[in-house]
Amino acid sequence: GLVQPGGSLRLSCVASGIIFSSATMGWFRQGP
């Protein structure tokens, strides 16, 4: 979402179709 500088957000990612505890999980980003 939209947040002001200095603010906070929490992202979530729900997985299905895998044994989640056996997966290495990561976050990536792509800026403009």
PDB file of all heavy atoms in Angstrom:
ATOM      1  N   GLY A   1       0.820  -1.200   0.000  1.00  0.00           N
ATOM      2  CA  GLY A   1       0.000   0.000   0.000  1.00  0.00           C
ATOM      3  C   GLY A   1       0.850   1.245   0.000  1.00  0.00           C
ATOM      4  O   GLY A   1       2.058   1.196  -0.252  1.00  0.00           O
ATOM      5  N   LEU A   2       0.188   2.351   0.290  1.00  0.00           N
ATOM      6  CA  LEU A   2       0.837   3.664   0.348  1.00  0.00           C
ATOM      7  C   LEU A   2       1.115   4.019   1.802  1.00  0.00           C
ATOM      8  O   LEU A   2       0.204   3.923   2.648  1.00  0.00           O
ATOM      9  CB  LEU A   2      -0.062   4.719  -0.290  1.00  0.00           C
ATOM     10  CG  LEU A   2       0.392   6.170  -0.184  1.00  0.00           C
ATOM     11  CD1 LEU A   2       1.704   6.378  -0.945  1.00  0.00           C
ATOM     12  CD2 LEU A   2      -0.699   7.104  -0.715  1.00  0.00           C
ATOM     13  N   VAL A   3       2.339   4.420   2.090  1.00  0.00           N
ATOM     14  CA  VAL A   3       2.715   4.775   3.455  1.00  0.00           C
ATOM     15  C   VAL A   3       3.650   5.980   3.406  1.00  0.00           C
ATOM     16  O   VAL A   3       4.391   6.159   2.434  1.00  0.00           O
ATOM     17  CB  VAL A   3       3.381   3.572   4.162  1.00  0.00           C
ATOM     18  CG1 VAL A   3       4.677   3.175   3.471  1.00  0.00           C
ATOM     19  CG2 VAL A   3       3.608   3.844   5.636  1.00  0.00           C
ATOM     20  N   GLN A   4       3.606   6.786   4.443  1.00  0.00           N
ATOM     21  CA  GLN A   4       4.473   7.959   4.511  1.00  0.00           C
ATOM     22  C   GLN A   4       5.887   7.559   4.932  1.00  0.00           C
ATOM     23  O   GLN A   4       6.070   6.529   5.609  1.00  0.00           O
ATOM     24  CB  GLN A   4       3.907   8.973   5.495  1.00  0.00           C
ATOM     25  CG  GLN A   4       2.611   9.613   5.040  1.00  0.00           C
ATOM     26  CD  GLN A   4       2.178  10.738   5.969  1.00  0.00           C
ATOM     27  OE1 GLN A   4       2.624  10.834   7.110  1.00  0.00           O
ATOM     28  NE2 GLN A   4       1.307  11.596   5.469  1.00  0.00           N
ATOM     29  N   PRO A   5       6.869   8.350   4.558  1.00  0.00           N
ATOM     30  CA  PRO A   5       8.236   8.078   5.025  1.00  0.00           C
ATOM     31  C   PRO A   5       8.281   7.974   6.546  1.00  0.00           C
ATOM     32  O   PRO A   5       7.636   8.765   7.252  1.00  0.00           O
ATOM     33  CB  PRO A   5       9.027   9.287   4.523  1.00  0.00           C
ATOM     34  CG  PRO A   5       8.273   9.737   3.315  1.00  0.00           C
ATOM     35  CD  PRO A   5       6.822   9.499   3.633  1.00  0.00           C
ATOM     36  N   GLY A   6       9.026   6.981   7.023  1.00  0.00           N
ATOM     37  CA  GLY A   6       9.108   6.733   8.455  1.00  0.00           C
ATOM     38  C   GLY A   6       8.060   5.758   8.965  1.00  0.00           C
ATOM     39  O   GLY A   6       8.140   5.312  10.120  1.00  0.00           O
ATOM     40  N   GLY A   7       7.097   5.425   8.135  1.00  0.00           N
ATOM     41  CA  GLY A   7       6.030   4.520   8.530  1.00  0.00           C
ATOM     42  C   GLY A   7       6.408   3.063   8.421  1.00  0.00           C
ATOM     43  O   GLY A   7       7.558   2.721   8.091  1.00  0.00           O
ATOM     44  N   SER A   8       5.421   2.210   8.696  1.00  0.00           N
ATOM     45  CA  SER A   8       5.640   0.761   8.698  1.00  0.00           C
ATOM     46  C   SER A   8       4.547   0.050   7.905  1.00  0.00           C
ATOM     47  O   SER A   8       3.418   0.555   7.784  1.00  0.00           O
ATOM     48  CB  SER A   8       5.622   0.222  10.139  1.00  0.00           C
ATOM     49  OG  SER A   8       6.666   0.773  10.909  1.00  0.00           O
ATOM     50  N   LEU A   9       4.922  -1.091   7.380  1.00  0.00           N
ATOM     51  CA  LEU A   9       3.981  -2.001   6.727  1.00  0.00           C
ATOM     52  C   LEU A   9       4.418  -3.430   7.025  1.00  0.00           C
ATOM     53  O   LEU A   9       5.617  -3.678   7.227  1.00  0.00           O
ATOM     54  CB  LEU A   9       3.962  -1.809   5.205  1.00  0.00           C
ATOM     55  CG  LEU A   9       3.167  -0.670   4.580  1.00  0.00           C
ATOM     56  CD1 LEU A   9       3.397  -0.646   3.075  1.00  0.00           C
ATOM     57  CD2 LEU A   9       1.693  -0.768   4.899  1.00  0.00           C
ATOM     58  N   ARG A  10       3.458  -4.335   7.010  1.00  0.00           N
ATOM     59  CA  ARG A  10       3.795  -5.751   7.117  1.00  0.00           C
ATOM     60  C   ARG A  10       3.227  -6.491   5.913  1.00  0.00           C
ATOM     61  O   ARG A  10       2.010  -6.471   5.684  1.00  0.00           O
ATOM     62  CB  ARG A  10       3.269  -6.379   8.403  1.00  0.00           C
ATOM     63  CG  ARG A  10       3.808  -7.807   8.594  1.00  0.00           C
ATOM     64  CD  ARG A  10       3.394  -8.442   9.902  1.00  0.00           C
ATOM     65  NE  ARG A  10       2.047  -8.999   9.855  1.00  0.00           N
ATOM     66  CZ  ARG A  10       1.635  -9.990  10.627  1.00  0.00           C
ATOM     67  NH1 ARG A  10       2.474 -10.551  11.507  1.00  0.00           N
ATOM     68  NH2 ARG A  10       0.395 -10.424  10.552  1.00  0.00           N
ATOM     69  N   LEU A  11       4.105  -7.124   5.176  1.00  0.00           N
ATOM     70  CA  LEU A  11       3.698  -7.942   4.044  1.00  0.00           C
ATOM     71  C   LEU A  11       3.542  -9.395   4.482  1.00  0.00           C
ATOM     72  O   LEU A  11       4.272  -9.868   5.361  1.00  0.00           O
ATOM     73  CB  LEU A  11       4.729  -7.863   2.920  1.00  0.00           C
ATOM     74  CG  LEU A  11       5.112  -6.472   2.422  1.00  0.00           C
ATOM     75  CD1 LEU A  11       6.100  -6.585   1.263  1.00  0.00           C
ATOM     76  CD2 LEU A  11       3.895  -5.671   2.021  1.00  0.00           C
ATOM     77  N   SER A  12       2.602 -10.076   3.846  1.00  0.00           N
ATOM     78  CA  SER A  12       2.390 -11.500   4.098  1.00  0.00           C
ATOM     79  C   SER A  12       2.433 -12.258   2.779  1.00  0.00           C
ATOM     80  O   SER A  12       2.060 -11.721   1.739  1.00  0.00           O
ATOM     81  CB  SER A  12       1.036 -11.737   4.763  1.00  0.00           C
ATOM     82  OG  SER A  12       0.931 -11.056   5.987  1.00  0.00           O
ATOM     83  N   CYS A  13       2.857 -13.493   2.847  1.00  0.00           N
ATOM     84  CA  CYS A  13       2.869 -14.366   1.669  1.00  0.00           C
ATOM     85  C   CYS A  13       2.433 -15.752   2.122  1.00  0.00           C
ATOM     86  O   CYS A  13       3.117 -16.378   2.944  1.00  0.00           O
ATOM     87  CB  CYS A  13       4.246 -14.408   1.045  1.00  0.00           C
ATOM     88  SG  CYS A  13       4.438 -15.650  -0.268  1.00  0.00           S
ATOM     89  N   VAL A  14       1.299 -16.186   1.588  1.00  0.00           N
ATOM     90  CA  VAL A  14       0.773 -17.507   1.921  1.00  0.00           C
ATOM     91  C   VAL A  14       1.096 -18.470   0.786  1.00  0.00           C
ATOM     92  O   VAL A  14       0.809 -18.177  -0.385  1.00  0.00           O
ATOM     93  CB  VAL A  14      -0.743 -17.459   2.151  1.00  0.00           C
ATOM     94  CG1 VAL A  14      -1.260 -18.834   2.506  1.00  0.00           C
ATOM     95  CG2 VAL A  14      -1.084 -16.459   3.254  1.00  0.00           C
ATOM     96  N   ALA A  15       1.673 -19.600   1.140  1.00  0.00           N
ATOM     97  CA  ALA A  15       2.075 -20.592   0.146  1.00  0.00           C
ATOM     98  C   ALA A  15       1.166 -21.807   0.195  1.00  0.00           C
ATOM     99  O   ALA A  15       0.697 -22.202   1.272  1.00  0.00           O
ATOM    100  CB  ALA A  15       3.516 -21.021   0.396  1.00  0.00           C
ATOM    101  N   SER A  16       0.937 -22.402  -0.968  1.00  0.00           N
ATOM    102  CA  SER A  16       0.197 -23.660  -1.060  1.00  0.00           C
ATOM    103  C   SER A  16       0.850 -24.524  -2.138  1.00  0.00           C
ATOM    104  O   SER A  16       1.533 -24.017  -3.024  1.00  0.00           O
ATOM    105  CB  SER A  16      -1.270 -23.406  -1.375  1.00  0.00           C
ATOM    106  OG  SER A  16      -1.410 -22.723  -2.603  1.00  0.00           O
ATOM    107  N   GLY A  17       0.646 -25.823  -2.012  1.00  0.00           N
ATOM    108  CA  GLY A  17       1.195 -26.739  -3.012  1.00  0.00           C
ATOM    109  C   GLY A  17       2.613 -27.200  -2.724  1.00  0.00           C
ATOM    110  O   GLY A  17       3.201 -27.903  -3.556  1.00  0.00           O
ATOM    111  N   ILE A  18       3.176 -26.772  -1.597  1.00  0.00           N
ATOM    112  CA  ILE A  18       4.510 -27.203  -1.187  1.00  0.00           C
ATOM    113  C   ILE A  18       4.480 -27.580   0.290  1.00  0.00           C
ATOM    114  O   ILE A  18       3.544 -27.222   1.007  1.00  0.00           O
ATOM    115  CB  ILE A  18       5.578 -26.100  -1.392  1.00  0.00           C
ATOM    116  CG1 ILE A  18       5.247 -24.844  -0.572  1.00  0.00           C
ATOM    117  CG2 ILE A  18       5.733 -25.767  -2.866  1.00  0.00           C
ATOM    118  CD1 ILE A  18       6.333 -23.780  -0.586  1.00  0.00           C
ATOM    119  N   ILE A  19       5.513 -28.306   0.712  1.00  0.00           N
ATOM    120  CA  ILE A  19       5.699 -28.539   2.145  1.00  0.00           C
ATOM    121  C   ILE A  19       6.461 -27.321   2.662  1.00  0.00           C
ATOM    122  O   ILE A  19       7.680 -27.220   2.515  1.00  0.00           O
ATOM    123  CB  ILE A  19       6.462 -29.841   2.407  1.00  0.00           C
ATOM    124  CG1 ILE A  19       5.688 -31.017   1.821  1.00  0.00           C
ATOM    125  CG2 ILE A  19       6.684 -30.036   3.916  1.00  0.00           C
ATOM    126  CD1 ILE A  19       6.420 -32.348   1.899  1.00  0.00           C
ATOM    127  N   PHE A  20       5.711 -26.385   3.222  1.00  0.00           N
ATOM    128  CA  PHE A  20       6.250 -25.053   3.532  1.00  0.00           C
ATOM    129  C   PHE A  20       7.482 -25.134   4.416  1.00  0.00           C
ATOM    130  O   PHE A  20       8.446 -24.394   4.208  1.00  0.00           O
ATOM    131  CB  PHE A  20       5.159 -24.219   4.205  1.00  0.00           C
ATOM    132  CG  PHE A  20       5.557 -22.799   4.470  1.00  0.00           C
ATOM    133  CD1 PHE A  20       5.523 -21.862   3.445  1.00  0.00           C
ATOM    134  CD2 PHE A  20       5.966 -22.385   5.739  1.00  0.00           C
ATOM    135  CE1 PHE A  20       5.893 -20.547   3.679  1.00  0.00           C
ATOM    136  CE2 PHE A  20       6.332 -21.083   5.979  1.00  0.00           C
ATOM    137  CZ  PHE A  20       6.298 -20.154   4.949  1.00  0.00           C
ATOM    138  N   SER A  21       7.476 -26.028   5.397  1.00  0.00           N
ATOM    139  CA  SER A  21       8.600 -26.103   6.333  1.00  0.00           C
ATOM    140  C   SER A  21       9.883 -26.571   5.651  1.00  0.00           C
ATOM    141  O   SER A  21      10.968 -26.421   6.218  1.00  0.00           O
ATOM    142  CB  SER A  21       8.253 -27.044   7.489  1.00  0.00           C
ATOM    143  OG  SER A  21       7.953 -28.339   7.001  1.00  0.00           O
ATOM    144  N   SER A  22       9.786 -27.089   4.448  1.00  0.00           N
ATOM    145  CA  SER A  22      10.949 -27.557   3.699  1.00  0.00           C
ATOM    146  C   SER A  22      11.419 -26.545   2.659  1.00  0.00           C
ATOM    147  O   SER A  22      12.312 -26.851   1.854  1.00  0.00           O
ATOM    148  CB  SER A  22      10.634 -28.880   2.987  1.00  0.00           C
ATOM    149  OG  SER A  22      10.336 -29.903   3.923  1.00  0.00           O
ATOM    150  N   ALA A  23      10.827 -25.364   2.649  1.00  0.00           N
ATOM    151  CA  ALA A  23      11.163 -24.350   1.653  1.00  0.00           C
ATOM    152  C   ALA A  23      11.908 -23.187   2.289  1.00  0.00           C
ATOM    153  O   ALA A  23      11.525 -22.705   3.359  1.00  0.00           O
ATOM    154  CB  ALA A  23       9.900 -23.839   0.979  1.00  0.00           C
ATOM    155  N   THR A  24      12.950 -22.753   1.617  1.00  0.00           N
ATOM    156  CA  THR A  24      13.575 -21.484   1.984  1.00  0.00           C
ATOM    157  C   THR A  24      12.734 -20.368   1.383  1.00  0.00           C
ATOM    158  O   THR A  24      12.402 -20.409   0.196  1.00  0.00           O
ATOM    159  CB  THR A  24      15.013 -21.404   1.454  1.00  0.00           C
ATOM    160  OG1 THR A  24      15.835 -22.315   2.195  1.00  0.00           O
ATOM    161  CG2 THR A  24      15.586 -20.006   1.607  1.00  0.00           C
ATOM    162  N   MET A  25      12.377 -19.396   2.205  1.00  0.00           N
ATOM    163  CA  MET A  25      11.467 -18.329   1.766  1.00  0.00           C
ATOM    164  C   MET A  25      12.199 -16.993   1.728  1.00  0.00           C
ATOM    165  O   MET A  25      12.990 -16.682   2.620  1.00  0.00           O
ATOM    166  CB  MET A  25      10.284 -18.235   2.712  1.00  0.00           C
ATOM    167  CG  MET A  25       9.446 -19.504   2.797  1.00  0.00           C
ATOM    168  SD  MET A  25       8.760 -20.005   1.210  1.00  0.00           S
ATOM    169  CE  MET A  25       7.709 -18.604   0.817  1.00  0.00           C
ATOM    170  N   GLY A  26      11.895 -16.234   0.696  1.00  0.00           N
ATOM    171  CA  GLY A  26      12.558 -14.945   0.562  1.00  0.00           C
ATOM    172  C   GLY A  26      11.632 -13.866   0.036  1.00  0.00           C
ATOM    173  O   GLY A  26      10.559 -14.149  -0.507  1.00  0.00           O
ATOM    174  N   TRP A  27      12.058 -12.633   0.245  1.00  0.00           N
ATOM    175  CA  TRP A  27      11.391 -11.463  -0.315  1.00  0.00           C
ATOM    176  C   TRP A  27      12.364 -10.749  -1.239  1.00  0.00           C
ATOM    177  O   TRP A  27      13.537 -10.547  -0.888  1.00  0.00           O
ATOM    178  CB  TRP A  27      10.939 -10.503   0.787  1.00  0.00           C
ATOM    179  CG  TRP A  27       9.769 -10.990   1.577  1.00  0.00           C
ATOM    180  CD1 TRP A  27       9.808 -11.645   2.780  1.00  0.00           C
ATOM    181  CD2 TRP A  27       8.390 -10.857   1.223  1.00  0.00           C
ATOM    182  NE1 TRP A  27       8.532 -11.939   3.195  1.00  0.00           N
ATOM    183  CE2 TRP A  27       7.633 -11.458   2.262  1.00  0.00           C
ATOM    184  CE3 TRP A  27       7.706 -10.299   0.146  1.00  0.00           C
ATOM    185  CZ2 TRP A  27       6.244 -11.497   2.248  1.00  0.00           C
ATOM    186  CZ3 TRP A  27       6.329 -10.341   0.136  1.00  0.00           C
ATOM    187  CH2 TRP A  27       5.604 -10.935   1.168  1.00  0.00           C
ATOM    188  N   PHE A  28      11.856 -10.372  -2.389  1.00  0.00           N
ATOM    189  CA  PHE A  28      12.600  -9.598  -3.370  1.00  0.00           C
ATOM    190  C   PHE A  28      11.796  -8.350  -3.693  1.00  0.00           C
ATOM    191  O   PHE A  28      10.603  -8.267  -3.379  1.00  0.00           O
ATOM    192  CB  PHE A  28      12.813 -10.412  -4.647  1.00  0.00           C
ATOM    193  CG  PHE A  28      13.752 -11.570  -4.495  1.00  0.00           C
ATOM    194  CD1 PHE A  28      13.390 -12.705  -3.783  1.00  0.00           C
ATOM    195  CD2 PHE A  28      15.015 -11.553  -5.082  1.00  0.00           C
ATOM    196  CE1 PHE A  28      14.252 -13.781  -3.633  1.00  0.00           C
ATOM    197  CE2 PHE A  28      15.887 -12.624  -4.948  1.00  0.00           C
ATOM    198  CZ  PHE A  28      15.500 -13.732  -4.227  1.00  0.00           C
ATOM    199  N   ARG A  29      12.428  -7.400  -4.343  1.00  0.00           N
ATOM    200  CA  ARG A  29      11.688  -6.213  -4.773  1.00  0.00           C
ATOM    201  C   ARG A  29      12.263  -5.705  -6.081  1.00  0.00           C
ATOM    202  O   ARG A  29      13.441  -5.930  -6.397  1.00  0.00           O
ATOM    203  CB  ARG A  29      11.727  -5.115  -3.707  1.00  0.00           C
ATOM    204  CG  ARG A  29      13.101  -4.481  -3.479  1.00  0.00           C
ATOM    205  CD  ARG A  29      13.030  -3.512  -2.325  1.00  0.00           C
ATOM    206  NE  ARG A  29      14.322  -2.858  -2.098  1.00  0.00           N
ATOM    207  CZ  ARG A  29      14.557  -2.043  -1.065  1.00  0.00           C
ATOM    208  NH1 ARG A  29      13.604  -1.785  -0.176  1.00  0.00           N
ATOM    209  NH2 ARG A  29      15.750  -1.495  -0.928  1.00  0.00           N
ATOM    210  N   GLN A  30      11.403  -4.999  -6.806  1.00  0.00           N
ATOM    211  CA  GLN A  30      11.816  -4.371  -8.055  1.00  0.00           C
ATOM    212  C   GLN A  30      11.256  -2.966  -8.099  1.00  0.00           C
ATOM    213  O   GLN A  30      10.034  -2.772  -8.203  1.00  0.00           O
ATOM    214  CB  GLN A  30      11.329  -5.174  -9.262  1.00  0.00           C
ATOM    215  CG  GLN A  30      11.886  -4.680 -10.585  1.00  0.00           C
ATOM    216  CD  GLN A  30      11.691  -5.690 -11.706  1.00  0.00           C
ATOM    217  OE1 GLN A  30      10.932  -6.657 -11.575  1.00  0.00           O
ATOM    218  NE2 GLN A  30      12.382  -5.492 -12.809  1.00  0.00           N
ATOM    219  N   GLY A  31      12.162  -2.003  -7.985  1.00  0.00           N
ATOM    220  CA  GLY A  31      11.761  -0.608  -8.044  1.00  0.00           C
ATOM    221  C   GLY A  31      11.645  -0.121  -9.471  1.00  0.00           C
ATOM    222  O   GLY A  31      12.097  -0.788 -10.406  1.00  0.00           O
ATOM    223  N   PRO A  32      11.071   1.059  -9.673  1.00  0.00           N
ATOM    224  CA  PRO A  32      10.897   1.612 -11.017  1.00  0.00           C
ATOM    225  C   PRO A  32      12.231   1.733 -11.749  1.00  0.00           C
ATOM    226  O   PRO A  32      13.164   2.369 -11.237  1.00  0.00           O
ATOM    227  CB  PRO A  32      10.282   2.983 -10.755  1.00  0.00           C
ATOM    228  CG  PRO A  32       9.698   2.908  -9.399  1.00  0.00           C
ATOM    229  CD  PRO A  32      10.539   1.945  -8.630  1.00  0.00           C
TER     230      PRO A  32
END
